[in-house]
Protein backbone atom coordinates (compact mmCIF):
# COMPACT_ATOMS: atom_id res chain seq x y z
CA MET A 1 -16.95 5.87 -13.75
CA ILE A 2 -15.47 9.32 -13.48
CA ARG A 3 -13.38 10.50 -16.37
CA LYS A 4 -11.66 13.83 -16.16
CA PRO A 5 -11.44 15.40 -19.63
CA ALA A 6 -7.96 16.15 -20.84
CA GLU A 7 -6.89 19.52 -22.11
CA ALA A 8 -5.13 19.57 -25.46
CA GLY A 9 -1.87 17.65 -25.13
CA GLN A 10 -2.57 16.37 -21.63
CA ALA A 11 -3.21 12.83 -20.42
CA GLN A 12 -6.56 11.71 -19.07
CA VAL A 13 -6.95 10.72 -15.45
CA TRP A 14 -9.06 7.64 -14.78
CA THR A 15 -10.51 6.97 -11.38
CA VAL A 16 -12.45 4.17 -9.65
CA GLY A 17 -14.72 3.42 -12.62
CA PHE A 18 -11.71 2.68 -14.81
CA ALA A 19 -10.39 0.11 -12.38
CA TYR A 20 -13.62 -1.56 -11.34
CA LYS A 21 -16.11 -1.10 -14.20
CA PRO A 22 -14.09 -1.32 -17.42
CA MET A 23 -16.77 -2.90 -19.60
CA GLY A 24 -17.59 -0.87 -22.67
CA LEU A 25 -14.61 1.44 -22.42
CA ARG A 26 -12.18 1.91 -25.25
CA PRO A 27 -8.71 0.80 -24.10
CA ALA A 28 -6.33 3.60 -23.22
CA ARG A 29 -3.29 3.99 -25.47
CA MET A 30 -0.98 3.75 -22.46
CA ALA A 31 -1.29 3.44 -18.70
CA LEU A 32 1.46 4.76 -16.48
CA VAL A 33 1.39 3.64 -12.85
CA LEU A 34 3.40 5.81 -10.47
CA CYS A 35 3.98 4.19 -7.09
CA THR A 36 5.50 5.84 -4.03
CA ALA A 37 7.16 3.66 -1.41
CA GLY A 38 8.73 4.23 1.96
CA HIS A 39 11.58 1.84 1.27
CA SER A 40 14.54 1.96 -1.07
CA ILE A 41 14.16 0.31 -4.47
CA PRO A 42 16.97 -2.22 -3.75
CA ASP A 43 15.13 -3.25 -0.55
CA LEU A 44 11.83 -3.56 -2.41
CA LYS A 45 13.46 -5.69 -5.11
CA ALA A 46 15.27 -7.91 -2.60
CA SER A 47 12.06 -8.59 -0.68
CA GLY A 48 10.03 -9.29 -3.81
CA CYS A 49 7.63 -6.43 -3.06
CA CYS A 50 8.57 -4.47 -6.18
CA ALA A 51 7.74 -7.39 -8.47
CA ALA A 52 4.50 -8.07 -6.57
CA MET A 53 3.37 -4.44 -6.83
CA LYS A 54 4.20 -4.32 -10.53
CA THR A 55 2.37 -7.56 -11.26
CA THR A 56 -0.69 -6.47 -9.28
CA MET A 57 -0.91 -3.05 -10.89
CA LEU A 58 -0.14 -4.00 -14.50
CA THR A 59 -1.84 -7.39 -14.65
CA ASP A 60 -4.82 -7.07 -12.31
CA ARG A 61 -5.56 -3.34 -12.17
CA ILE A 62 -4.66 -2.30 -15.73
CA GLY A 63 -4.79 -5.57 -17.68
CA VAL A 64 -6.59 -5.13 -21.00
CA ARG A 65 -7.72 -1.61 -20.11
CA ALA A 66 -4.65 -0.20 -21.88
CA ARG A 67 -2.73 -1.22 -24.99
CA SER A 68 0.57 -0.72 -23.18
CA SER A 69 1.49 -0.04 -19.58
CA GLU A 70 4.48 0.95 -17.51
CA PHE A 71 5.19 0.84 -13.77
CA LEU A 72 7.53 3.27 -12.02
CA VAL A 73 8.42 3.14 -8.32
CA PHE A 74 9.64 6.14 -6.40
CA GLY A 75 11.37 4.62 -3.43
CA ALA A 76 13.13 6.43 -0.63
CA ARG A 77 13.98 5.93 2.98
CA ALA A 78 15.11 8.45 5.56
CA THR A 79 17.77 6.86 7.74
CA GLY A 80 21.13 7.88 9.09
CA ALA A 81 22.56 10.95 10.74
CA TYR A 82 21.55 13.73 8.37
CA ASP A 83 18.83 16.33 7.98
CA ALA A 84 15.73 14.29 7.11
CA ALA A 85 13.80 17.38 5.96
CA GLU A 86 16.52 18.23 3.43
CA HIS A 87 16.68 14.60 2.33
CA TRP A 88 12.94 14.50 1.62
CA LYS A 89 13.06 17.85 -0.14
CA ALA A 90 15.82 16.57 -2.46
CA THR A 91 14.05 13.24 -2.95
CA LYS A 92 10.79 14.98 -3.86
CA ALA A 93 12.60 17.22 -6.36
CA ARG A 94 14.32 14.20 -7.93
CA HIS A 95 11.03 12.31 -8.25
CA LEU A 96 9.29 15.31 -9.81
CA ARG A 97 12.12 15.66 -12.34
CA GLN A 98 11.75 11.99 -13.25
CA VAL A 99 8.00 12.37 -13.81
CA ALA A 100 8.47 15.54 -15.88
CA GLU A 101 11.11 13.81 -18.02
CA LEU A 102 8.85 10.81 -18.50
CA ALA A 103 5.91 13.05 -19.46
CA ARG A 104 8.01 14.87 -22.05
CA SER A 105 9.20 11.61 -23.60
CA SER A 106 5.71 10.07 -23.90
């Protein structure tokens, strides 16, 4: 297991050992799963993929390793007659704002 120590006021980052060798670890207070997707959230929900990803991550991957957990999808798709580079730049900025807001509220 690799555990990156947190600075004062920062969250800890858990890597492979957290997911695959959890025995003997103290449960995390909270796990936040951030998922990027190349489809829109409505498309992911309609297809059932969003629910499947959430179930897999929170039930199988996190499970009892955290006292509480949350799953957030950042979905986006570049289609249509517009500047895709500008679209992705705006999408990235929006996603980063969401993460920053979530971090401040935790």
